[in-house]
N, C-alpha and C. Protein backbone atom coordinates (compact mmCIF):
# COMPACT_ATOMS: atom_id res chain seq x y z
N MET A 1 174.73 109.99 -38.16
CA MET A 1 175.02 109.80 -39.56
C MET A 1 176.36 108.56 -39.13
N ALA A 2 176.29 107.08 -40.40
CA ALA A 2 177.28 106.53 -40.22
C ALA A 2 176.85 105.73 -41.76
N TYR A 3 178.98 105.52 -42.03
CA TYR A 3 179.04 104.52 -42.79
C TYR A 3 178.22 103.71 -43.51
N GLU A 4 178.02 103.67 -44.92
CA GLU A 4 177.22 101.86 -45.30
C GLU A 4 178.38 101.30 -46.17
N ILE A 5 178.91 99.91 -45.80
CA ILE A 5 178.90 98.90 -47.01
C ILE A 5 178.37 98.28 -47.91
N VAL A 6 177.95 98.78 -48.95
CA VAL A 6 177.58 98.06 -50.42
C VAL A 6 177.85 96.51 -50.63
N THR A 7 177.12 96.34 -51.99
CA THR A 7 177.48 95.22 -52.78
C THR A 7 178.79 94.90 -52.45
N SER A 8 179.57 95.92 -53.13
CA SER A 8 180.11 95.57 -54.06
C SER A 8 181.95 95.84 -53.37
N CYS A 9 181.41 95.92 -51.71
CA CYS A 9 182.45 94.76 -50.98
C CYS A 9 182.82 93.60 -51.05
N VAL A 10 184.37 93.56 -51.31
CA VAL A 10 184.76 91.96 -51.64
C VAL A 10 185.06 91.27 -50.49
N ASN A 11 184.80 91.91 -49.14
CA ASN A 11 185.37 90.78 -47.97
C ASN A 11 186.87 91.06 -47.92
N CYS A 12 187.54 92.10 -48.20
CA CYS A 12 188.81 91.76 -47.93
C CYS A 12 189.47 92.05 -46.30
N TRP A 13 188.29 92.41 -45.92
CA TRP A 13 189.22 91.95 -43.94
C TRP A 13 190.06 93.60 -43.91
N ALA A 14 189.88 94.16 -44.66
CA ALA A 14 190.98 95.54 -44.18
C ALA A 14 189.86 96.50 -43.21
N CYS A 15 189.59 96.77 -43.18
CA CYS A 15 188.29 97.57 -42.59
C CYS A 15 187.73 97.29 -41.25
N GLU A 16 187.92 95.94 -40.98
CA GLU A 16 187.12 95.99 -39.66
C GLU A 16 188.05 95.84 -38.53
N PRO A 17 189.25 95.35 -38.85
CA PRO A 17 190.33 96.04 -37.72
C PRO A 17 190.80 97.14 -37.29
N LEU A 18 190.94 97.97 -38.46
CA LEU A 18 190.54 99.20 -38.22
C LEU A 18 189.60 100.08 -37.27
N CYS A 19 188.35 99.92 -37.51
CA CYS A 19 187.26 100.35 -36.71
C CYS A 19 187.25 100.49 -35.42
N PRO A 20 187.78 101.82 -35.11
CA PRO A 20 187.68 102.18 -33.05
C PRO A 20 187.02 101.84 -32.41
N SER A 21 185.84 102.43 -33.18
CA SER A 21 184.30 101.30 -32.47
C SER A 21 183.73 100.11 -32.39
N LYS A 22 184.41 99.70 -33.45
CA LYS A 22 184.33 98.20 -33.74
C LYS A 22 182.83 98.01 -34.15
N ALA A 23 182.51 98.82 -35.07
CA ALA A 23 180.97 98.69 -35.78
C ALA A 23 181.45 97.78 -37.06
N ILE A 24 182.48 97.18 -37.37
CA ILE A 24 182.30 96.88 -39.14
C ILE A 24 182.14 95.30 -38.76
N GLN A 25 181.25 95.10 -39.11
CA GLN A 25 181.12 93.17 -38.64
C GLN A 25 180.77 91.73 -40.00
N PHE A 26 181.95 91.56 -39.92
CA PHE A 26 181.22 90.29 -41.15
C PHE A 26 179.91 89.50 -41.28
N ALA A 27 179.50 90.15 -42.51
CA ALA A 27 178.12 89.14 -42.42
C ALA A 27 178.23 88.98 -43.67
N VAL A 28 177.02 88.48 -44.11
CA VAL A 28 176.88 87.37 -45.67
C VAL A 28 176.04 88.62 -46.46
N PRO A 29 176.04 89.30 -47.47
CA PRO A 29 177.57 88.61 -48.10
C PRO A 29 178.64 89.55 -47.88
N HIS A 30 178.47 90.73 -47.74
CA HIS A 30 180.10 91.31 -46.92
C HIS A 30 179.29 91.50 -45.59
N PHE A 31 180.76 92.63 -45.45
CA PHE A 31 181.01 93.19 -43.93
C PHE A 31 179.86 94.32 -43.98
N VAL A 32 179.41 94.64 -42.59
CA VAL A 32 178.30 95.59 -42.55
C VAL A 32 178.86 96.59 -41.60
N ILE A 33 178.12 97.09 -41.21
CA ILE A 33 178.76 98.62 -40.59
C ILE A 33 177.13 99.02 -39.58
N ASP A 34 176.97 99.18 -37.55
CA ASP A 34 176.78 99.02 -36.81
C ASP A 34 176.28 100.56 -37.22
N ALA A 35 175.01 101.06 -37.68
CA ALA A 35 174.62 102.23 -37.80
C ALA A 35 175.54 103.16 -36.29
N THR A 36 174.24 102.50 -35.66
CA THR A 36 174.25 102.64 -33.44
C THR A 36 176.03 102.35 -33.15
N ALA A 37 176.69 101.93 -34.18
CA ALA A 37 178.14 102.06 -32.65
C ALA A 37 179.43 102.74 -33.44
N CYS A 38 178.69 103.13 -35.26
CA CYS A 38 179.74 103.79 -35.50
C CYS A 38 179.60 105.27 -35.67
N SER A 39 180.89 106.21 -35.51
CA SER A 39 180.96 107.03 -34.85
C SER A 39 181.50 107.96 -36.21
N GLU A 40 181.80 107.04 -37.82
CA GLU A 40 182.41 107.98 -38.56
C GLU A 40 183.79 107.96 -38.19
N CYS A 41 184.44 107.62 -37.24
CA CYS A 41 186.35 108.20 -36.32
C CYS A 41 186.18 109.52 -35.01
N ASP A 42 185.01 110.75 -35.82
CA ASP A 42 185.45 111.40 -35.04
C ASP A 42 185.76 111.32 -33.51
N GLY A 43 187.14 112.71 -33.84
CA GLY A 43 186.99 112.14 -32.41
C GLY A 43 188.35 111.28 -31.98
N ASP A 44 188.64 110.44 -32.91
CA ASP A 44 189.91 109.41 -32.89
C ASP A 44 190.87 109.66 -34.41
N PHE A 45 190.19 109.86 -35.39
CA PHE A 45 190.89 110.74 -36.27
C PHE A 45 190.35 111.29 -37.31
N ALA A 46 191.20 111.85 -38.04
CA ALA A 46 190.84 112.78 -39.17
C ALA A 46 190.09 112.19 -39.90
N ASP A 47 190.20 111.46 -40.67
CA ASP A 47 189.34 110.22 -41.57
C ASP A 47 188.45 109.34 -40.88
N PRO A 48 187.83 109.04 -41.97
CA PRO A 48 186.98 107.34 -41.27
C PRO A 48 188.47 106.25 -41.73
N GLN A 49 188.46 105.60 -40.98
CA GLN A 49 189.46 104.99 -41.48
C GLN A 49 188.95 103.43 -42.31
N CYS A 50 187.72 103.05 -42.48
CA CYS A 50 187.50 101.85 -43.24
C CYS A 50 187.37 102.89 -44.71
N VAL A 51 186.98 103.98 -44.40
CA VAL A 51 187.11 105.06 -46.50
C VAL A 51 188.42 105.07 -46.09
N SER A 52 189.18 105.03 -45.89
CA SER A 52 191.10 105.40 -45.95
C SER A 52 191.19 104.11 -46.83
N ILE A 53 191.09 103.00 -46.19
CA ILE A 53 191.88 101.67 -46.18
C ILE A 53 191.48 101.17 -47.36
N CYS A 54 189.85 100.77 -47.84
CA CYS A 54 188.83 100.94 -47.99
C CYS A 54 189.66 100.82 -50.09
N PRO A 55 189.80 99.36 -50.00
CA PRO A 55 190.29 99.38 -51.77
C PRO A 55 189.45 99.26 -53.11
N ILE A 56 188.55 99.45 -52.43
CA ILE A 56 186.99 99.28 -53.21
C ILE A 56 186.58 100.85 -53.84
N GLU A 57 186.40 100.72 -55.44
CA GLU A 57 185.40 102.60 -55.10
C GLU A 57 184.16 101.82 -54.99
N GLY A 58 183.34 102.71 -53.86
CA GLY A 58 182.22 102.77 -53.74
C GLY A 58 181.29 101.42 -52.96
N ALA A 59 182.66 101.13 -52.30
CA ALA A 59 182.47 99.76 -51.86
C ALA A 59 181.32 100.79 -50.25
N ILE A 60 182.08 102.01 -50.13
CA ILE A 60 181.57 102.45 -48.97
C ILE A 60 180.59 103.78 -49.04
N VAL A 61 179.55 103.79 -48.42
CA VAL A 61 178.81 105.20 -48.89
C VAL A 61 178.68 105.99 -47.49
N ASP A 62 178.08 107.26 -47.72
CA ASP A 62 177.66 107.94 -46.38
C ASP A 62 175.76 107.49 -46.28
N ALA A 63 175.17 108.24 -45.34
CA ALA A 63 174.04 108.48 -44.92
C ALA A 63 173.28 108.45 -46.45
N PHE A 64 173.81 109.80 -47.14
CA PHE A 64 173.00 109.93 -48.54
C PHE A 64 173.13 108.37 -49.63
N GLY A 65 173.92 108.48 -49.01
CA GLY A 65 173.98 106.55 -50.04
C GLY A 65 175.39 106.96 -51.42
N VAL A 66 175.54 108.55 -50.90
CA VAL A 66 177.05 108.86 -51.93
C VAL A 66 177.87 108.49 -51.19
N ALA A 67 178.67 107.45 -52.58
CA ALA A 67 180.34 106.93 -52.30
C ALA A 67 181.07 107.50 -51.62
N ALA A 68 181.90 107.02 -50.75
CA ALA A 68 182.69 107.51 -50.04
C ALA A 68 184.20 107.47 -50.87
N ASN A 69 184.41 107.00 -51.21
CA ASN A 69 185.33 106.64 -52.47
C ASN A 69 185.11 106.25 -53.96
N PRO A 70 184.38 108.10 -54.25
CA PRO A 70 183.64 107.26 -55.90
C PRO A 70 185.18 107.07 -57.21
N PRO A 71 183.45 106.48 -57.64
CA PRO A 71 184.26 106.07 -58.79
C PRO A 71 185.52 107.28 -59.49
N GLY A 72 187.09 106.93 -60.14
CA GLY A 72 188.36 107.02 -60.40
C GLY A 72 188.91 108.04 -58.99
N SER A 73 188.05 108.08 -57.92
CA SER A 73 188.77 108.29 -56.93
C SER A 73 190.66 107.70 -56.48
N LEU A 74 190.19 106.38 -56.01
CA LEU A 74 191.78 105.28 -56.61
C LEU A 74 192.61 105.32 -57.42
N THR A 75 192.09 104.80 -58.50
CA THR A 75 192.45 104.71 -60.31
C THR A 75 193.10 106.21 -60.17
N GLY A 76 192.30 106.70 -60.51
CA GLY A 76 192.99 108.11 -60.97
C GLY A 76 192.23 108.49 -62.04
N ILE A 77 191.03 107.99 -62.84
CA ILE A 77 191.00 106.83 -63.73
C ILE A 77 189.35 107.13 -64.64
N PRO A 78 188.88 108.75 -64.85
CA PRO A 78 188.37 108.90 -64.42
C PRO A 78 186.78 108.20 -64.72
N PRO A 79 185.16 108.38 -64.41
CA PRO A 79 184.54 106.98 -65.04
C PRO A 79 184.58 107.73 -66.70
N GLN A 80 184.46 108.29 -67.17
CA GLN A 80 184.30 108.52 -68.80
C GLN A 80 184.80 107.89 -69.15
N ARG A 81 186.26 107.98 -69.33
CA ARG A 81 187.43 107.72 -69.79
C ARG A 81 187.54 106.22 -69.43
N TRP A 82 186.98 105.20 -67.96
CA TRP A 82 186.90 104.23 -68.35
C TRP A 82 185.71 103.76 -68.79
N GLN A 83 185.09 103.96 -68.58
CA GLN A 83 183.67 103.15 -69.81
C GLN A 83 183.92 103.65 -71.50
N GLU A 84 184.92 104.58 -71.98
CA GLU A 84 185.55 104.24 -73.07
C GLU A 84 186.43 102.87 -73.11
N VAL A 85 187.28 102.96 -72.65
CA VAL A 85 188.55 102.06 -73.03
C VAL A 85 188.13 100.03 -72.54
N MET A 86 186.97 100.64 -71.70
CA MET A 86 186.59 99.10 -71.78
C MET A 86 185.67 98.75 -72.93
N ALA A 87 184.49 99.62 -73.52
CA ALA A 87 184.08 99.28 -74.97
C ALA A 87 185.40 99.03 -76.04
N GLU A 88 186.17 100.52 -75.72
CA GLU A 88 187.56 99.31 -76.86
C GLU A 88 187.76 98.18 -76.72
N ILE A 89 187.69 97.66 -75.44
CA ILE A 89 188.92 96.53 -75.33
C ILE A 89 187.57 95.57 -75.96
N GLN A 90 186.18 95.62 -75.06
CA GLN A 90 185.49 94.51 -75.77
C GLN A 90 185.33 94.45 -76.93
N ALA A 91 185.09 95.67 -77.69
CA ALA A 91 185.55 96.04 -79.08
C ALA A 91 186.22 95.13 -79.90
N ARG A 92 187.24 94.72 -79.36
CA ARG A 92 188.13 94.30 -79.68
C ARG A 92 188.60 92.71 -80.25
């Protein structure tokens, strides 16, 4: 199984140099992970390095399409609260 980088990637270049298997490559419009090369850092690190460094929630998903850094995991703001705050801001 391998991770996948999805369209919410902002091409910050944080993940590419950390990948021990060199599975992450720049492509248009965002980075991609070569599934045949991705080892999920098994045997190299306790946690996948791309997931550990990615600053964008939901930009990396596992083989089942589940976000490795789901909404709220990096900011500490639950998605429901974030939606409420955004609605309040937009109402102003």
